[in-house]
Amino acid sequence: MSNEPIPIEIRQLAASRELEINWSDGLVSRFKDAALRRACRCTTCRQLTARHEDIPCPEDIRILSIVPVGSYAMQIGFDDGHDRGIFPWSYLRQLECEA
């Protein structure tokens, strides 16, 4: 069994356009919806990043859906139609450390 922290609660905070994650180790992370959209690691977004191009993302973007992916990640759908990015728990923890 892994000792990696896992989310115990994930909440969308619509008023502030944030996603809040309460982790099993007690950490509480808050990510702006726009920051998560810009952090997408799908193939298309990785190609843009590799070419040093910005991922198109308005600041007022909103998360529309969160779908579990096994026991290791979630897939986030945004109101710009983008819903291909998978966000593993380990990647979200990395983003938390970089914030």
C-alpha atoms as a PDB file:
ATOM      1  CA  MET A   1       0.000   0.000   0.000  1.00  0.00           C
ATOM      2  CA  SER A   2       1.306   3.421  -0.960  1.00  0.00           C
ATOM      3  CA  ASN A   3       1.929   6.123   1.610  1.00  0.00           C
ATOM      4  CA  GLU A   4       1.253   8.834  -0.976  1.00  0.00           C
ATOM      5  CA  PRO A   5      -1.429  11.287   0.148  1.00  0.00           C
ATOM      6  CA  ILE A   6      -4.780  10.993  -1.599  1.00  0.00           C
ATOM      7  CA  PRO A   7      -7.735  13.375  -1.766  1.00  0.00           C
ATOM      8  CA  ILE A   8     -10.399  12.778   0.827  1.00  0.00           C
ATOM      9  CA  GLU A   9     -12.599  15.624  -0.440  1.00  0.00           C
ATOM     10  CA  ILE A  10     -12.650  17.603  -3.691  1.00  0.00           C
ATOM     11  CA  ARG A  11     -14.845  20.696  -3.878  1.00  0.00           C
ATOM     12  CA  GLN A  12     -15.534  23.204  -6.596  1.00  0.00           C
ATOM     13  CA  LEU A  13     -15.694  26.728  -5.229  1.00  0.00           C
ATOM     14  CA  ALA A  14     -17.708  28.402  -7.969  1.00  0.00           C
ATOM     15  CA  ALA A  15     -17.684  31.917  -6.520  1.00  0.00           C
ATOM     16  CA  SER A  16     -13.886  32.095  -6.442  1.00  0.00           C
ATOM     17  CA  ARG A  17     -13.362  29.827  -9.484  1.00  0.00           C
ATOM     18  CA  GLU A  18     -11.187  27.470  -7.467  1.00  0.00           C
ATOM     19  CA  LEU A  19     -10.875  23.773  -6.838  1.00  0.00           C
ATOM     20  CA  GLU A  20     -10.200  22.785  -3.245  1.00  0.00           C
ATOM     21  CA  ILE A  21      -8.646  19.434  -2.349  1.00  0.00           C
ATOM     22  CA  ASN A  22      -8.433  18.112   1.201  1.00  0.00           C
ATOM     23  CA  TRP A  23      -5.657  15.524   1.342  1.00  0.00           C
ATOM     24  CA  SER A  24      -5.310  12.486   3.594  1.00  0.00           C
ATOM     25  CA  ASP A  25      -2.213  14.025   5.226  1.00  0.00           C
ATOM     26  CA  GLY A  26      -4.118  17.155   6.294  1.00  0.00           C
ATOM     27  CA  LEU A  27      -2.931  19.505   3.540  1.00  0.00           C
ATOM     28  CA  VAL A  28      -5.600  21.646   1.893  1.00  0.00           C
ATOM     29  CA  SER A  29      -4.806  22.758  -1.659  1.00  0.00           C
ATOM     30  CA  ARG A  30      -6.618  25.441  -3.639  1.00  0.00           C
ATOM     31  CA  PHE A  31      -6.115  25.795  -7.359  1.00  0.00           C
ATOM     32  CA  LYS A  32      -7.578  28.509  -9.563  1.00  0.00           C
ATOM     33  CA  ASP A  33      -9.605  26.984 -12.411  1.00  0.00           C
ATOM     34  CA  ALA A  34      -7.492  28.959 -14.913  1.00  0.00           C
ATOM     35  CA  ALA A  35      -4.241  27.692 -13.378  1.00  0.00           C
ATOM     36  CA  LEU A  36      -5.411  24.087 -13.739  1.00  0.00           C
ATOM     37  CA  ARG A  37      -6.424  24.706 -17.352  1.00  0.00           C
ATOM     38  CA  ARG A  38      -2.959  26.111 -18.092  1.00  0.00           C
ATOM     39  CA  ALA A  39      -1.386  23.117 -16.282  1.00  0.00           C
ATOM     40  CA  CYS A  40      -3.121  20.557 -18.522  1.00  0.00           C
ATOM     41  CA  ARG A  41      -0.820  17.757 -19.657  1.00  0.00           C
ATOM     42  CA  CYS A  42      -2.850  16.309 -22.522  1.00  0.00           C
ATOM     43  CA  THR A  43      -0.994  15.746 -25.784  1.00  0.00           C
ATOM     44  CA  THR A  44      -2.226  18.966 -27.396  1.00  0.00           C
ATOM     45  CA  CYS A  45      -1.290  21.111 -24.399  1.00  0.00           C
ATOM     46  CA  ARG A  46       2.107  19.429 -24.048  1.00  0.00           C
ATOM     47  CA  GLN A  47       2.821  20.184 -27.710  1.00  0.00           C
ATOM     48  CA  LEU A  48       1.956  23.855 -27.186  1.00  0.00           C
ATOM     49  CA  THR A  49       4.201  23.993 -24.140  1.00  0.00           C
ATOM     50  CA  ALA A  50       7.058  22.284 -25.989  1.00  0.00           C
ATOM     51  CA  ARG A  51       6.813  24.971 -28.696  1.00  0.00           C
ATOM     52  CA  HIS A  52       6.839  27.648 -25.959  1.00  0.00           C
ATOM     53  CA  GLU A  53       3.292  28.668 -26.856  1.00  0.00           C
ATOM     54  CA  ASP A  54       0.712  29.640 -24.294  1.00  0.00           C
ATOM     55  CA  ILE A  55      -2.240  27.382 -23.624  1.00  0.00           C
ATOM     56  CA  PRO A  56      -5.254  29.533 -24.519  1.00  0.00           C
ATOM     57  CA  CYS A  57      -7.118  30.209 -21.308  1.00  0.00           C
ATOM     58  CA  PRO A  58      -9.299  33.128 -20.269  1.00  0.00           C
ATOM     59  CA  GLU A  59      -9.019  34.093 -16.594  1.00  0.00           C
ATOM     60  CA  ASP A  60     -12.766  33.597 -16.143  1.00  0.00           C
ATOM     61  CA  ILE A  61     -12.689  29.956 -17.268  1.00  0.00           C
ATOM     62  CA  ARG A  62     -14.692  27.543 -15.121  1.00  0.00           C
ATOM     63  CA  ILE A  63     -14.504  23.869 -14.335  1.00  0.00           C
ATOM     64  CA  LEU A  64     -17.645  22.105 -15.568  1.00  0.00           C
ATOM     65  CA  SER A  65     -16.894  18.507 -14.630  1.00  0.00           C
ATOM     66  CA  ILE A  66     -14.611  16.335 -12.555  1.00  0.00           C
ATOM     67  CA  VAL A  67     -14.493  12.646 -13.409  1.00  0.00           C
ATOM     68  CA  PRO A  68     -12.500  10.120 -11.357  1.00  0.00           C
ATOM     69  CA  VAL A  69      -9.860   8.151 -13.256  1.00  0.00           C
ATOM     70  CA  GLY A  70      -9.277   4.959 -11.340  1.00  0.00           C
ATOM     71  CA  SER A  71      -7.894   5.612  -7.885  1.00  0.00           C
ATOM     72  CA  TYR A  72      -4.997   7.782  -9.047  1.00  0.00           C
ATOM     73  CA  ALA A  73      -6.355  10.845 -10.875  1.00  0.00           C
ATOM     74  CA  MET A  74      -9.230  12.965 -12.108  1.00  0.00           C
ATOM     75  CA  GLN A  75     -10.199  14.268 -15.515  1.00  0.00           C
ATOM     76  CA  ILE A  76     -11.326  17.883 -15.556  1.00  0.00           C
ATOM     77  CA  GLY A  77     -13.698  19.410 -18.112  1.00  0.00           C
ATOM     78  CA  PHE A  78     -13.623  23.178 -18.628  1.00  0.00           C
ATOM     79  CA  ASP A  79     -16.192  25.541 -20.084  1.00  0.00           C
ATOM     80  CA  ASP A  80     -14.001  26.183 -23.139  1.00  0.00           C
ATOM     81  CA  GLY A  81     -14.774  22.595 -24.214  1.00  0.00           C
ATOM     82  CA  HIS A  82     -11.389  21.206 -23.164  1.00  0.00           C
ATOM     83  CA  ASP A  83     -11.764  17.940 -21.265  1.00  0.00           C
ATOM     84  CA  ARG A  84      -8.809  15.764 -22.249  1.00  0.00           C
ATOM     85  CA  GLY A  85      -6.433  16.437 -19.391  1.00  0.00           C
ATOM     86  CA  ILE A  86      -5.911  13.858 -16.683  1.00  0.00           C
ATOM     87  CA  PHE A  87      -4.550  15.177 -13.406  1.00  0.00           C
ATOM     88  CA  PRO A  88      -2.875  12.448 -11.293  1.00  0.00           C
ATOM     89  CA  TRP A  89      -2.782  13.059  -7.547  1.00  0.00           C
ATOM     90  CA  SER A  90       1.032  13.174  -7.663  1.00  0.00           C
ATOM     91  CA  TYR A  91       0.931  15.903 -10.342  1.00  0.00           C
ATOM     92  CA  LEU A  92      -1.522  17.978  -8.296  1.00  0.00           C
ATOM     93  CA  ARG A  93       0.791  17.704  -5.289  1.00  0.00           C
ATOM     94  CA  GLN A  94       3.673  18.844  -7.503  1.00  0.00           C
ATOM     95  CA  LEU A  95       1.599  21.855  -8.625  1.00  0.00           C
ATOM     96  CA  GLU A  96       0.883  22.631  -4.971  1.00  0.00           C
ATOM     97  CA  CYS A  97       4.622  22.724  -4.251  1.00  0.00           C
ATOM     98  CA  GLU A  98       5.264  25.012  -7.221  1.00  0.00           C
ATOM     99  CA  ALA A  99       2.568  27.511  -6.205  1.00  0.00           C
END
